[in-house]
Amino acid sequence: MILKSFKLFLGLLILFSFISKVNGEEKIDIWKNKERKKVLNSESSNTETELNKKISNSNQVLKKSDAIEIENNLIESSDEIKIFGVYDPAKFDFNLNMWSTTSADEVRSSIKRLKKIRLSNTSNEIFEKTLLSFSYPPSGMNTEEFVNLKINWLIENNRTELIEEFLKQNDEFFGKSRAVQYLVDENIAKANIKNGCEKAKFIDTKIKDAYLEKFKIYCLVFNNKKSQAQLLLDLLREQKQSDKFFDDKINFLLGISDKTSDKINQENLLNFYLSSVTIKNFKYVPTKSTKKEIWKYLNAANLIQLEDISDKKKLKDLEIAANQEQIDQEIIFNIYKQIKFDLNTLINAKNNYQSLEQSDARSLIYQKYLLSEDLKSQVEYLFLLEELFKKEKLLNIYEKFFVTELKKIGLENIPEDYREIAEKKIIENEEIKLGKVKYNDKVLHQSKIMKFYLENEENKKIQKEIDRTFKKISKNRKYFYSAKDLALVDALLKDGFKIPSNFDYDQLASKYEVPKNLIELIEKKQNAFLVLKIIEIIGEDEPNQLDPETIYFITSLLNEMNLIKIRNKVLTSALPLRV
């Protein structure tokens, strides 16, 4: 009986132990699962940050086996994916997927439209940060085309510093030799060979480009490293990458030969430069067909001369070049001063200029302006000269000079007949600079609440300011809440601040309609493409020049897409009162 009871007890004990073990294992698994979720969530939030650290120094290659989770979307690369750029996308509230839901055709069309607009400083800055952030290409666009878009924009906008930054951060990419050659040619065109040779550091063994190799050889000669130059030249010849012209010039510079051809080679800027530094008493007369970079070099090296002032054809070529900003406009005005007129023609300039050839007419009125003493006559001649330049479609030559001279005279000294148009000219040609902020507590969007965005004021202080300002404004029964006020309130709500309950945001917002095509971009999560649309809307204007309704719907859209840094850029320009 005792044995039977003992067996029963032992069996129950074993059963109990087994059940406890199972329960214990279940608890451990649940705990592990929770920890795994924490780790996964942590990895999800930190993946892009870690990736951005990697891409800060060079382009990141995502291999076939890599799986990256960005905003809870798992991306597995089917092949090697390379991403290129300058900026960390997270700094502007973007991510690596910023273009992934946008089609290639949409991006191509948008950038094509933007190229036709003379973007304001703010528009240009936002576009630059958007285009040059590290990211995957748009849907249907390969990596080569995407990086080419970036390089094209940098070159077309003469962003030499950013091109250099792009080269530093991206080791290998399609079009690298073109980017390096642009830097090299820019410095040759400025007659700054020393600086150009410093850019030769980007010419590595991976770049197989004869032009850049030739420039590297010349730099060695320039820096008196002739033995190294000879070795590289021999190697270039073995690879059949050199040519008769280059061999002739380098042999002369190395001292191997004491003669060189007097033929001027215009095939490229390097050849033209080598011609100019090896031909004794070098002279070259540019024409309409002369390449832009050669014009720039001639200008920088002071090689532009008009020996025969009476040669109107050559003068016309120089005027066209100056109008296209290939040479300094000052060169044209210096030539105008050299054209001789008799005393009677100068005295009666107003009556005589119409009978003269166009360039002579401009020269005469320009000289008459310089000789005039009374302010009224000076202003009259300045405006007459504008008409003459405009008639020949050469206004780019004159615009800067015109505005500079009007400023020297001073608006207060300009006759009333010309004052309004003179003021408009000055404003049009001045870069718009935001003045100092003046806070006005009688208007919501101009109040000290803006210190949160302008001065990084503490949240607690701003919340008190919100309560105080709304209380003050509510006492004014005539106060009208504008679209700018609504833009500020929308931002404050997005940033976690509390707005008084008696402020009916929904009712006020219902007055303004956001374009449906832009709302659709939010629904499709096309955040980068939405920014391109917003840049188109801002266009040539600064945000503070936009109408209040446009400011509201732009900031509202940016709030919806969590593009807070770009939104703040718009807010700080558009809302404050500035003096």
Protein backbone atom coordinates (compact mmCIF):
# COMPACT_ATOMS: atom_id res chain seq x y z
CA MET A 1 0.00 0.00 0.00
CA ILE A 2 2.83 2.37 0.96
CA LEU A 3 4.72 1.34 -2.20
CA LYS A 4 1.61 1.98 -4.31
CA SER A 5 1.13 5.40 -2.73
CA PHE A 6 4.81 6.20 -3.23
CA LYS A 7 4.57 5.24 -6.94
CA LEU A 8 1.51 7.47 -7.30
CA PHE A 9 3.29 10.37 -5.56
CA LEU A 10 6.41 9.87 -7.70
CA GLY A 11 4.31 9.85 -10.88
CA LEU A 12 2.53 13.06 -9.88
CA LEU A 13 5.88 14.65 -9.04
CA ILE A 14 7.33 13.75 -12.46
CA LEU A 15 4.17 15.00 -14.22
CA PHE A 16 4.25 18.27 -12.27
CA SER A 17 7.93 18.78 -13.09
CA PHE A 18 7.26 18.21 -16.81
CA ILE A 19 4.37 20.69 -16.85
CA SER A 20 6.45 23.29 -14.97
CA LYS A 21 9.26 22.84 -17.47
CA VAL A 22 6.92 23.35 -20.41
CA ASN A 23 5.39 26.45 -18.83
CA GLY A 24 8.83 27.81 -18.03
CA GLU A 25 9.97 27.35 -21.62
CA GLU A 26 6.86 29.12 -22.88
CA LYS A 27 7.59 32.10 -20.63
CA ILE A 28 11.19 32.25 -21.80
CA ASP A 29 10.09 32.14 -25.47
CA ILE A 30 7.59 34.94 -24.94
CA TRP A 31 10.25 37.05 -23.23
CA LYS A 32 12.70 36.33 -26.06
CA ASN A 33 10.06 37.29 -28.63
CA LYS A 34 9.49 40.60 -26.85
CA GLU A 35 13.18 41.28 -26.77
CA ARG A 36 13.45 40.33 -30.44
CA LYS A 37 10.69 42.78 -31.28
CA LYS A 38 12.52 45.47 -29.33
CA VAL A 39 15.72 44.71 -31.20
CA LEU A 40 13.90 44.67 -34.55
CA ASN A 41 12.16 47.95 -33.77
CA SER A 42 15.45 49.43 -32.67
CA GLU A 43 17.13 48.17 -35.82
CA SER A 44 14.28 49.51 -37.92
CA SER A 45 14.63 52.99 -36.46
CA ASN A 46 18.42 52.96 -36.59
CA THR A 47 18.97 51.23 -39.96
CA GLU A 48 18.90 54.41 -41.98
CA THR A 49 21.02 56.30 -39.45
CA GLU A 50 23.68 53.58 -39.58
CA LEU A 51 23.49 53.48 -43.37
CA ASN A 52 23.84 57.24 -43.55
CA LYS A 53 27.00 56.98 -41.43
CA LYS A 54 28.40 54.56 -43.99
CA ILE A 55 27.53 56.74 -46.96
CA SER A 56 28.99 59.88 -45.43
CA ASN A 57 32.42 59.01 -46.82
CA SER A 58 31.69 57.06 -49.99
CA ASN A 59 28.87 55.65 -52.04
CA GLN A 60 27.17 52.67 -50.41
CA VAL A 61 26.84 49.37 -52.28
CA LEU A 62 23.93 47.16 -51.22
CA LYS A 63 24.68 43.58 -52.14
CA LYS A 64 22.27 40.86 -53.19
CA SER A 65 22.21 39.30 -49.72
CA ASP A 66 21.46 42.60 -47.98
CA ALA A 67 17.97 43.23 -46.59
CA ILE A 68 17.32 46.72 -45.31
CA GLU A 69 14.24 47.85 -43.44
CA ILE A 70 13.38 51.48 -43.98
CA GLU A 71 10.19 52.77 -42.37
CA ASN A 72 8.94 49.21 -41.92
CA ASN A 73 9.36 48.40 -45.61
CA LEU A 74 11.78 45.56 -46.24
CA ILE A 75 13.89 46.06 -49.36
CA GLU A 76 15.87 43.16 -50.70
CA SER A 77 18.19 44.01 -53.53
CA SER A 78 18.13 41.65 -56.46
CA ASP A 79 21.50 42.91 -57.62
CA GLU A 80 24.08 45.42 -56.47
CA ILE A 81 22.44 48.76 -55.72
CA LYS A 82 24.64 51.84 -55.60
CA ILE A 83 23.48 55.10 -54.13
CA PHE A 84 25.14 58.44 -54.77
CA GLY A 85 24.81 61.92 -53.36
CA VAL A 86 26.21 64.59 -51.09
CA TYR A 87 23.68 64.97 -48.28
CA ASP A 88 22.38 62.64 -45.59
CA PRO A 89 18.65 62.36 -46.46
CA ALA A 90 17.66 62.21 -42.78
CA LYS A 91 18.93 65.76 -42.29
CA PHE A 92 16.03 66.98 -44.43
CA ASP A 93 13.44 64.44 -43.19
CA PHE A 94 13.90 62.27 -46.29
CA ASN A 95 14.94 58.62 -46.49
CA LEU A 96 16.60 56.33 -49.00
CA ASN A 97 13.18 55.50 -50.48
CA MET A 98 12.33 59.15 -51.17
CA TRP A 99 12.03 58.55 -54.95
CA SER A 100 11.03 54.88 -54.96
CA THR A 101 7.27 55.46 -55.46
CA THR A 102 7.79 58.07 -58.19
CA SER A 103 8.13 57.12 -61.83
CA ALA A 104 11.20 58.07 -63.84
CA ASP A 105 9.06 60.01 -66.36
CA GLU A 106 7.57 62.17 -63.59
CA VAL A 107 11.02 63.10 -62.30
CA ARG A 108 12.39 63.78 -65.80
CA SER A 109 9.44 66.03 -66.69
CA SER A 110 9.58 67.95 -63.42
CA ILE A 111 13.32 68.64 -63.64
CA LYS A 112 12.90 69.69 -67.28
CA ARG A 113 10.28 72.27 -66.19
CA LEU A 114 12.42 73.50 -63.30
CA LYS A 115 15.36 74.13 -65.65
CA LYS A 116 13.23 76.70 -67.46
CA ILE A 117 12.61 78.66 -64.25
CA ARG A 118 15.10 81.08 -62.72
CA LEU A 119 14.71 79.68 -59.23
CA SER A 120 14.92 81.94 -56.19
CA ASN A 121 17.62 81.31 -53.59
CA THR A 122 15.20 79.36 -51.37
CA SER A 123 13.79 77.32 -54.26
CA ASN A 124 17.28 76.53 -55.46
CA GLU A 125 18.48 75.52 -51.99
CA ILE A 126 15.53 73.16 -51.44
CA PHE A 127 15.99 71.63 -54.89
CA GLU A 128 19.70 71.11 -54.27
CA LYS A 129 19.10 69.32 -50.95
CA THR A 130 16.39 67.14 -52.52
CA LEU A 131 18.26 66.13 -55.68
CA LEU A 132 21.63 65.55 -54.00
CA SER A 133 20.49 63.48 -51.03
CA PHE A 134 21.66 59.86 -51.06
CA SER A 135 18.75 57.72 -52.25
CA TYR A 136 17.58 54.94 -54.54
CA PRO A 137 16.65 56.00 -58.09
CA PRO A 138 13.02 56.62 -59.12
CA SER A 139 11.03 53.67 -60.41
CA GLY A 140 12.10 52.84 -63.96
CA MET A 141 15.35 54.80 -63.85
CA ASN A 142 18.71 53.06 -63.63
CA THR A 143 21.56 54.20 -61.39
CA GLU A 144 23.59 55.61 -64.27
CA GLU A 145 20.82 57.93 -65.43
CA PHE A 146 20.07 59.05 -61.87
CA VAL A 147 23.67 59.98 -61.06
CA ASN A 148 23.88 61.67 -64.47
CA LEU A 149 20.91 63.88 -63.53
CA LYS A 150 22.80 65.00 -60.44
CA ILE A 151 26.09 65.65 -62.29
CA ASN A 152 24.28 67.49 -65.12
CA TRP A 153 22.59 69.83 -62.65
CA LEU A 154 25.85 70.53 -60.83
CA ILE A 155 27.68 71.36 -64.07
CA GLU A 156 24.84 73.40 -65.59
CA ASN A 157 24.66 75.50 -62.40
CA ASN A 158 28.44 75.89 -62.09
CA ARG A 159 28.48 74.35 -58.61
CA THR A 160 32.20 73.67 -58.51
CA GLU A 161 32.38 73.31 -54.70
CA LEU A 162 29.53 70.78 -54.67
CA ILE A 163 31.08 68.84 -57.57
CA GLU A 164 34.25 68.56 -55.53
CA GLU A 165 32.21 67.42 -52.51
CA PHE A 166 30.45 64.86 -54.70
CA LEU A 167 33.82 63.50 -55.83
CA LYS A 168 35.02 63.27 -52.24
CA GLN A 169 31.96 61.35 -51.05
CA ASN A 170 31.51 59.03 -54.02
CA ASP A 171 34.40 56.81 -55.02
CA GLU A 172 33.26 55.40 -58.37
CA PHE A 173 30.30 56.51 -60.43
CA PHE A 174 29.17 56.86 -64.02
CA GLY A 175 30.38 60.18 -65.44
CA LYS A 176 33.19 60.70 -62.92
CA SER A 177 35.71 61.68 -65.61
CA ARG A 178 33.25 64.32 -66.91
CA ALA A 179 32.91 65.81 -63.41
CA VAL A 180 36.70 65.90 -62.94
CA GLN A 181 37.23 67.42 -66.39
CA TYR A 182 34.72 70.14 -65.54
CA LEU A 183 36.75 71.08 -62.45
CA VAL A 184 39.97 71.03 -64.46
CA ASP A 185 38.54 73.13 -67.31
CA GLU A 186 36.98 75.64 -64.89
CA ASN A 187 40.40 76.33 -63.43
CA ILE A 188 42.12 76.50 -66.83
CA ALA A 189 39.39 78.95 -67.94
CA LYS A 190 40.17 81.08 -64.88
CA ALA A 191 43.89 80.92 -65.77
CA ASN A 192 44.41 79.29 -62.38
CA ILE A 193 46.55 76.30 -63.33
CA LYS A 194 47.93 75.82 -59.82
CA ASN A 195 44.44 75.26 -58.44
CA GLY A 196 43.52 73.11 -61.45
CA CYS A 197 46.49 70.83 -60.79
CA GLU A 198 45.29 70.40 -57.21
CA LYS A 199 42.03 68.99 -58.63
CA ALA A 200 44.11 66.42 -60.49
CA LYS A 201 44.07 64.40 -57.23
CA PHE A 202 40.65 63.12 -58.35
CA ILE A 203 42.27 61.55 -61.43
CA ASP A 204 42.94 58.06 -60.08
CA THR A 205 43.93 54.81 -61.80
CA LYS A 206 40.26 53.88 -62.24
CA ILE A 207 39.68 56.84 -64.56
CA LYS A 208 40.74 55.95 -68.08
CA ASP A 209 40.52 59.30 -69.81
CA ALA A 210 43.20 60.58 -72.20
CA TYR A 211 42.31 64.26 -71.67
CA LEU A 212 42.75 64.03 -67.90
CA GLU A 213 45.92 61.99 -68.22
CA LYS A 214 47.37 64.68 -70.48
CA PHE A 215 46.46 67.34 -67.96
CA LYS A 216 48.11 65.33 -65.19
CA ILE A 217 51.31 65.17 -67.29
CA TYR A 218 51.22 68.92 -67.88
CA CYS A 219 50.77 69.50 -64.12
CA LEU A 220 53.94 67.51 -63.46
CA VAL A 221 55.76 69.75 -65.94
CA PHE A 222 54.17 72.84 -64.36
CA ASN A 223 55.39 71.72 -60.93
CA ASN A 224 58.88 70.99 -62.31
CA LYS A 225 58.57 67.19 -61.94
CA LYS A 226 59.81 66.56 -65.45
CA SER A 227 61.13 63.00 -64.96
CA GLN A 228 57.71 61.85 -63.68
CA ALA A 229 56.04 63.66 -66.56
CA GLN A 230 58.30 61.85 -69.03
CA LEU A 231 57.42 58.45 -67.54
CA LEU A 232 53.68 59.13 -67.74
CA LEU A 233 54.04 60.48 -71.28
CA ASP A 234 55.85 57.30 -72.38
CA LEU A 235 53.09 55.22 -70.83
CA LEU A 236 50.41 57.30 -72.58
CA ARG A 237 52.19 56.79 -75.89
CA GLU A 238 52.42 53.04 -75.34
CA GLN A 239 48.66 53.00 -74.80
CA LYS A 240 48.28 55.05 -78.00
CA GLN A 241 46.38 57.74 -76.03
CA SER A 242 48.70 60.63 -76.91
CA ASP A 243 48.73 62.59 -80.19
CA LYS A 244 51.10 64.59 -82.37
CA PHE A 245 50.03 68.00 -81.04
CA PHE A 246 50.38 67.04 -77.36
CA ASP A 247 53.73 65.31 -77.93
CA ASP A 248 55.05 68.41 -79.68
CA LYS A 249 53.99 70.76 -76.86
CA ILE A 250 55.21 68.58 -73.98
CA ASN A 251 58.54 67.87 -75.72
CA PHE A 252 59.02 71.63 -76.06
CA LEU A 253 58.09 72.26 -72.40
CA LEU A 254 60.36 69.42 -71.25
CA GLY A 255 63.23 70.92 -73.24
CA ILE A 256 63.56 67.87 -75.47
CA SER A 257 62.96 70.05 -78.53
CA ASP A 258 63.65 73.77 -78.94
CA LYS A 259 60.91 74.40 -81.52
CA THR A 260 57.14 73.99 -81.46
CA SER A 261 54.32 74.50 -83.94
CA ASP A 262 52.76 77.98 -84.16
CA LYS A 263 49.40 76.46 -85.03
CA ILE A 264 46.65 77.30 -82.50
CA ASN A 265 44.66 74.19 -81.57
CA GLN A 266 41.05 74.91 -80.48
CA GLU A 267 39.91 71.30 -80.25
CA ASN A 268 39.61 71.57 -76.47
CA LEU A 269 40.57 74.00 -73.71
CA LEU A 270 43.77 72.17 -72.72
CA ASN A 271 45.06 72.27 -76.30
CA PHE A 272 44.19 75.96 -76.59
CA TYR A 273 45.93 76.71 -73.31
CA LEU A 274 49.06 74.80 -74.39
CA SER A 275 49.04 76.81 -77.61
CA SER A 276 48.88 80.09 -75.67
CA VAL A 277 51.80 79.25 -73.34
CA THR A 278 54.13 77.83 -76.02
CA ILE A 279 53.65 80.25 -78.95
CA LYS A 280 55.74 83.39 -78.80
CA ASN A 281 53.71 86.62 -79.07
CA PHE A 282 50.50 84.60 -78.98
CA LYS A 283 47.58 86.37 -80.65
CA TYR A 284 44.09 85.04 -81.19
CA VAL A 285 40.99 86.79 -82.49
CA PRO A 286 37.82 85.10 -81.16
CA THR A 287 34.68 84.78 -83.27
CA LYS A 288 31.03 83.77 -82.78
CA SER A 289 32.02 80.11 -83.14
CA THR A 290 34.69 80.33 -80.40
CA LYS A 291 33.86 77.97 -77.54
CA LYS A 292 32.56 79.45 -74.31
CA GLU A 293 35.41 78.04 -72.21
CA ILE A 294 38.00 79.58 -74.57
CA TRP A 295 36.29 82.97 -74.25
CA LYS A 296 36.52 82.64 -70.46
CA TYR A 297 40.20 81.78 -70.60
CA LEU A 298 40.98 84.69 -72.95
CA ASN A 299 39.15 87.00 -70.57
CA ALA A 300 40.92 85.69 -67.44
CA ALA A 301 44.35 85.73 -69.08
CA ASN A 302 43.85 89.29 -70.42
CA LEU A 303 44.27 88.07 -73.99
CA ILE A 304 41.26 89.91 -75.44
CA GLN A 305 42.27 92.91 -77.51
CA LEU A 306 40.71 94.91 -80.31
CA GLU A 307 43.70 96.36 -82.11
CA ASP A 308 41.58 97.95 -84.81
CA ILE A 309 38.80 99.96 -83.14
CA SER A 310 37.15 100.49 -86.53
CA ASP A 311 36.61 96.73 -87.02
CA LYS A 312 32.87 96.64 -86.28
CA LYS A 313 32.52 92.92 -86.98
CA LYS A 314 35.06 91.97 -84.31
CA LEU A 315 33.53 94.48 -81.89
CA LYS A 316 30.12 92.91 -82.49
CA ASP A 317 31.55 89.46 -81.65
CA LEU A 318 32.96 90.84 -78.42
CA GLU A 319 29.63 92.45 -77.54
CA ILE A 320 27.79 89.17 -78.09
CA ALA A 321 30.34 87.36 -75.90
CA ALA A 322 29.90 89.96 -73.15
CA ASN A 323 26.12 89.71 -73.44
CA GLN A 324 26.42 85.94 -72.94
CA GLU A 325 28.68 86.59 -69.91
CA GLN A 326 31.66 84.91 -71.54
CA ILE A 327 33.84 87.97 -71.02
CA ASP A 328 33.68 90.93 -68.64
CA GLN A 329 31.27 93.65 -69.66
CA GLU A 330 33.94 96.17 -68.60
CA ILE A 331 35.95 95.24 -71.71
CA ILE A 332 33.16 96.61 -73.93
CA PHE A 333 32.93 99.90 -72.04
CA ASN A 334 36.71 100.31 -72.26
CA ILE A 335 36.50 99.88 -76.05
CA TYR A 336 33.64 102.42 -76.21
CA LYS A 337 35.88 104.98 -74.48
CA GLN A 338 38.56 104.49 -77.16
CA ILE A 339 36.27 105.31 -80.11
CA LYS A 340 37.04 108.89 -81.18
CA PHE A 341 34.43 111.59 -81.92
CA ASP A 342 35.00 115.21 -82.83
CA LEU A 343 34.02 117.92 -80.37
CA ASN A 344 30.92 119.01 -82.32
CA THR A 345 29.57 115.42 -82.40
CA LEU A 346 30.05 115.09 -78.62
CA ILE A 347 28.40 118.42 -77.87
CA ASN A 348 25.36 117.57 -79.99
CA ALA A 349 25.25 113.88 -79.04
CA LYS A 350 21.45 113.79 -78.64
CA ASN A 351 20.98 114.95 -82.23
CA ASN A 352 23.85 112.99 -83.79
CA TYR A 353 23.62 109.47 -82.28
CA GLN A 354 20.69 108.38 -84.47
CA SER A 355 22.69 108.81 -87.65
CA LEU A 356 25.55 106.63 -86.43
CA GLU A 357 26.15 102.87 -86.66
CA GLN A 358 24.71 101.12 -83.57
CA SER A 359 27.98 100.47 -81.71
CA ASP A 360 29.13 104.02 -82.43
CA ALA A 361 25.80 105.36 -81.14
CA ARG A 362 26.25 103.47 -77.87
CA SER A 363 29.86 104.67 -77.62
CA LEU A 364 28.83 108.30 -78.18
CA ILE A 365 26.04 108.29 -75.56
CA TYR A 366 28.28 106.45 -73.09
CA GLN A 367 31.03 109.05 -73.49
CA LYS A 368 28.45 111.84 -73.21
CA TYR A 369 27.20 110.34 -69.95
CA LEU A 370 30.76 110.30 -68.56
CA LEU A 371 31.24 113.96 -69.54
CA SER A 372 27.88 115.17 -68.15
CA GLU A 373 28.00 117.11 -64.90
CA ASP A 374 24.38 117.78 -63.94
CA LEU A 375 22.40 114.86 -62.48
CA LYS A 376 19.35 115.32 -64.71
CA SER A 377 21.44 114.92 -67.88
CA GLN A 378 23.27 111.91 -66.43
CA VAL A 379 19.98 110.13 -65.70
CA GLU A 380 18.62 110.94 -69.16
CA TYR A 381 21.71 109.52 -70.87
CA LEU A 382 21.62 106.40 -68.68
CA PHE A 383 18.03 105.64 -69.73
CA LEU A 384 18.77 106.49 -73.37
CA LEU A 385 21.73 104.11 -73.29
CA GLU A 386 19.45 101.38 -71.93
CA GLU A 387 17.18 101.80 -74.95
CA LEU A 388 20.14 101.47 -77.34
CA PHE A 389 21.38 98.25 -75.70
CA LYS A 390 17.84 96.88 -75.57
CA LYS A 391 17.30 97.62 -79.28
CA GLU A 392 20.25 95.36 -80.19
CA LYS A 393 19.30 92.71 -77.60
CA LEU A 394 22.50 93.34 -75.65
CA LEU A 395 20.88 94.36 -72.36
CA ASN A 396 22.94 91.88 -70.30
CA ILE A 397 26.03 93.98 -71.00
CA TYR A 398 24.38 97.10 -69.61
CA GLU A 399 22.14 95.96 -66.74
CA LYS A 400 24.76 95.74 -64.00
CA PHE A 401 26.42 99.03 -65.02
CA PHE A 402 23.00 100.73 -65.21
CA VAL A 403 21.92 99.73 -61.70
CA THR A 404 25.34 100.52 -60.20
CA GLU A 405 25.28 104.05 -61.67
CA LEU A 406 21.68 104.66 -60.47
CA LYS A 407 22.73 103.68 -56.95
CA LYS A 408 25.70 106.07 -57.11
CA ILE A 409 23.39 108.93 -58.08
CA GLY A 410 20.92 107.97 -55.33
CA LEU A 411 17.15 107.62 -55.65
CA GLU A 412 16.59 110.90 -53.81
CA ASN A 413 18.60 112.73 -56.52
CA ILE A 414 16.86 111.14 -59.50
CA PRO A 415 14.22 113.37 -61.21
CA GLU A 416 10.62 112.39 -60.43
CA ASP A 417 9.95 111.38 -64.05
CA TYR A 418 12.52 108.57 -63.69
CA ARG A 419 12.41 107.81 -59.94
CA GLU A 420 9.75 105.11 -59.90
CA ILE A 421 11.25 103.11 -62.76
CA ALA A 422 14.77 103.60 -61.33
CA GLU A 423 13.63 102.21 -57.97
CA LYS A 424 12.05 99.23 -59.72
CA LYS A 425 15.29 98.57 -61.62
CA ILE A 426 17.33 98.61 -58.42
CA ILE A 427 14.92 96.28 -56.62
CA GLU A 428 14.78 93.84 -59.56
CA ASN A 429 18.56 93.52 -59.68
CA GLU A 430 19.19 93.35 -55.95
CA GLU A 431 19.42 90.02 -54.21
CA ILE A 432 16.52 89.85 -51.78
CA LYS A 433 17.88 89.70 -48.24
CA LEU A 434 15.72 89.05 -45.23
CA GLY A 435 15.88 91.90 -42.75
CA LYS A 436 15.97 91.77 -38.97
CA VAL A 437 12.85 90.32 -37.32
CA LYS A 438 10.56 92.69 -35.48
CA TYR A 439 8.02 90.89 -33.28
CA ASN A 440 4.46 92.22 -33.28
CA ASP A 441 2.15 90.69 -30.66
CA LYS A 442 -0.93 92.22 -32.29
CA VAL A 443 -0.60 89.76 -35.21
CA LEU A 444 -0.43 86.03 -34.46
CA HIS A 445 2.07 85.00 -37.14
CA GLN A 446 4.35 87.94 -36.30
CA SER A 447 4.28 87.39 -32.54
CA LYS A 448 7.03 86.10 -30.23
CA ILE A 449 5.65 82.60 -30.82
CA MET A 450 7.89 82.65 -33.91
CA LYS A 451 10.91 82.55 -31.59
CA PHE A 452 10.49 78.76 -31.55
CA TYR A 453 11.36 78.66 -35.26
CA LEU A 454 13.70 81.63 -35.44
CA GLU A 455 15.65 81.39 -32.18
CA ASN A 456 15.05 77.79 -30.98
CA GLU A 457 13.25 79.09 -27.89
CA GLU A 458 12.35 76.46 -25.25
CA ASN A 459 9.01 74.64 -25.61
CA LYS A 460 7.74 75.71 -22.15
CA LYS A 461 8.37 79.37 -22.86
CA ILE A 462 6.70 79.11 -26.26
CA GLN A 463 3.63 77.36 -24.80
CA LYS A 464 3.26 80.26 -22.33
CA GLU A 465 3.67 82.69 -25.22
CA ILE A 466 0.98 80.83 -27.20
CA ASP A 467 -1.48 81.07 -24.30
CA ARG A 468 -0.68 84.74 -23.68
CA THR A 469 -0.88 85.76 -27.35
CA PHE A 470 -4.17 83.97 -28.03
CA LYS A 471 -5.66 85.50 -24.89
CA LYS A 472 -4.61 88.97 -26.01
CA ILE A 473 -5.87 88.51 -29.57
CA SER A 474 -9.21 87.06 -28.43
CA LYS A 475 -9.99 90.38 -26.74
CA ASN A 476 -9.86 92.06 -30.12
CA ARG A 477 -13.26 91.22 -31.64
CA LYS A 478 -12.25 92.73 -34.95
CA TYR A 479 -9.20 90.45 -35.33
CA PHE A 480 -9.23 88.38 -38.50
CA TYR A 481 -7.27 85.11 -38.52
CA SER A 482 -5.37 85.08 -41.81
CA ALA A 483 -4.03 82.16 -43.85
CA LYS A 484 -0.56 82.99 -42.45
CA ASP A 485 -1.95 82.67 -38.91
CA LEU A 486 -3.38 79.31 -39.87
CA ALA A 487 -0.03 78.19 -41.30
CA LEU A 488 1.60 78.97 -37.93
CA VAL A 489 -1.15 77.19 -35.95
CA ASP A 490 -0.89 74.15 -38.23
CA ALA A 491 2.85 73.98 -37.57
CA LEU A 492 2.42 74.43 -33.80
CA LEU A 493 -0.11 71.57 -33.65
CA LYS A 494 2.23 69.38 -35.68
CA ASP A 495 5.07 70.19 -33.28
CA GLY A 496 3.03 69.14 -30.23
CA PHE A 497 1.92 72.49 -28.83
CA LYS A 498 -1.56 73.09 -27.38
CA ILE A 499 -3.87 75.60 -28.97
CA PRO A 500 -6.79 77.13 -26.99
CA SER A 501 -10.00 75.10 -27.37
CA ASN A 502 -11.98 78.13 -28.56
CA PHE A 503 -9.79 78.37 -31.68
CA ASP A 504 -11.80 76.58 -34.38
CA TYR A 505 -9.01 75.32 -36.63
CA ASP A 506 -11.23 73.08 -38.80
CA GLN A 507 -13.62 75.89 -39.63
CA LEU A 508 -10.80 78.22 -40.65
CA ALA A 509 -9.01 75.51 -42.65
CA SER A 510 -12.19 74.73 -44.60
CA LYS A 511 -11.92 78.13 -46.29
CA TYR A 512 -8.75 77.10 -48.09
CA GLU A 513 -8.53 74.38 -50.68
CA VAL A 514 -5.34 72.40 -51.22
CA PRO A 515 -4.91 71.25 -54.86
CA LYS A 516 -6.11 67.64 -55.23
CA ASN A 517 -3.17 66.57 -57.41
CA LEU A 518 -0.81 67.46 -54.55
CA ILE A 519 -2.93 65.61 -51.98
CA GLU A 520 -2.67 62.52 -54.21
CA LEU A 521 1.13 62.69 -53.94
CA ILE A 522 0.79 62.48 -50.16
CA GLU A 523 -1.46 59.43 -50.47
CA LYS A 524 1.13 57.79 -52.75
CA LYS A 525 3.96 58.74 -50.34
CA GLN A 526 5.80 60.60 -53.08
CA ASN A 527 7.47 63.01 -50.67
CA ALA A 528 10.50 63.99 -52.80
CA PHE A 529 8.32 64.50 -55.88
CA LEU A 530 5.93 66.63 -53.81
CA VAL A 531 8.89 68.84 -52.91
CA LEU A 532 9.67 69.29 -56.62
CA LYS A 533 6.06 70.41 -57.15
CA ILE A 534 6.36 72.88 -54.27
CA ILE A 535 9.61 74.23 -55.76
CA GLU A 536 7.73 74.82 -59.02
CA ILE A 537 5.06 76.74 -57.10
CA ILE A 538 7.59 78.92 -55.25
CA GLY A 539 9.62 79.29 -58.45
CA GLU A 540 11.34 82.64 -58.87
CA ASP A 541 9.85 84.06 -55.67
CA GLU A 542 11.03 83.87 -52.11
CA PRO A 543 8.40 82.42 -49.72
CA ASN A 544 7.77 85.90 -48.22
CA GLN A 545 6.65 87.07 -51.67
CA LEU A 546 3.92 84.42 -51.98
CA ASP A 547 0.27 85.13 -51.21
CA PRO A 548 -0.96 83.93 -47.75
CA GLU A 549 -3.17 81.12 -49.14
CA THR A 550 -0.23 79.60 -51.05
CA ILE A 551 1.98 79.80 -47.95
CA TYR A 552 -0.69 77.96 -45.95
CA PHE A 553 -1.25 75.09 -48.35
CA ILE A 554 2.51 74.64 -48.95
CA THR A 555 3.26 74.36 -45.22
CA SER A 556 0.18 72.17 -44.71
CA LEU A 557 1.41 69.72 -47.36
CA LEU A 558 4.90 69.64 -45.85
CA ASN A 559 3.37 68.94 -42.43
CA GLU A 560 1.43 66.01 -43.84
CA MET A 561 4.61 64.52 -45.29
CA ASN A 562 6.61 65.19 -42.10
CA LEU A 563 9.06 67.34 -44.05
CA ILE A 564 9.52 69.63 -41.07
CA LYS A 565 12.92 71.15 -41.90
CA ILE A 566 11.76 72.31 -45.33
CA ARG A 567 8.51 73.56 -43.78
CA ASN A 568 10.52 75.61 -41.28
CA LYS A 569 12.54 77.09 -44.13
CA VAL A 570 9.31 78.35 -45.69
CA LEU A 571 7.82 79.53 -42.38
CA THR A 572 10.83 81.56 -41.28
CA SER A 573 10.90 83.38 -44.61
CA ALA A 574 7.16 83.88 -45.07
CA LEU A 575 5.72 84.76 -41.66
CA PRO A 576 7.84 87.17 -39.57
CA LEU A 577 7.70 90.93 -39.82
CA ARG A 578 11.13 92.13 -40.95
CA VAL A 579 12.72 95.55 -41.07
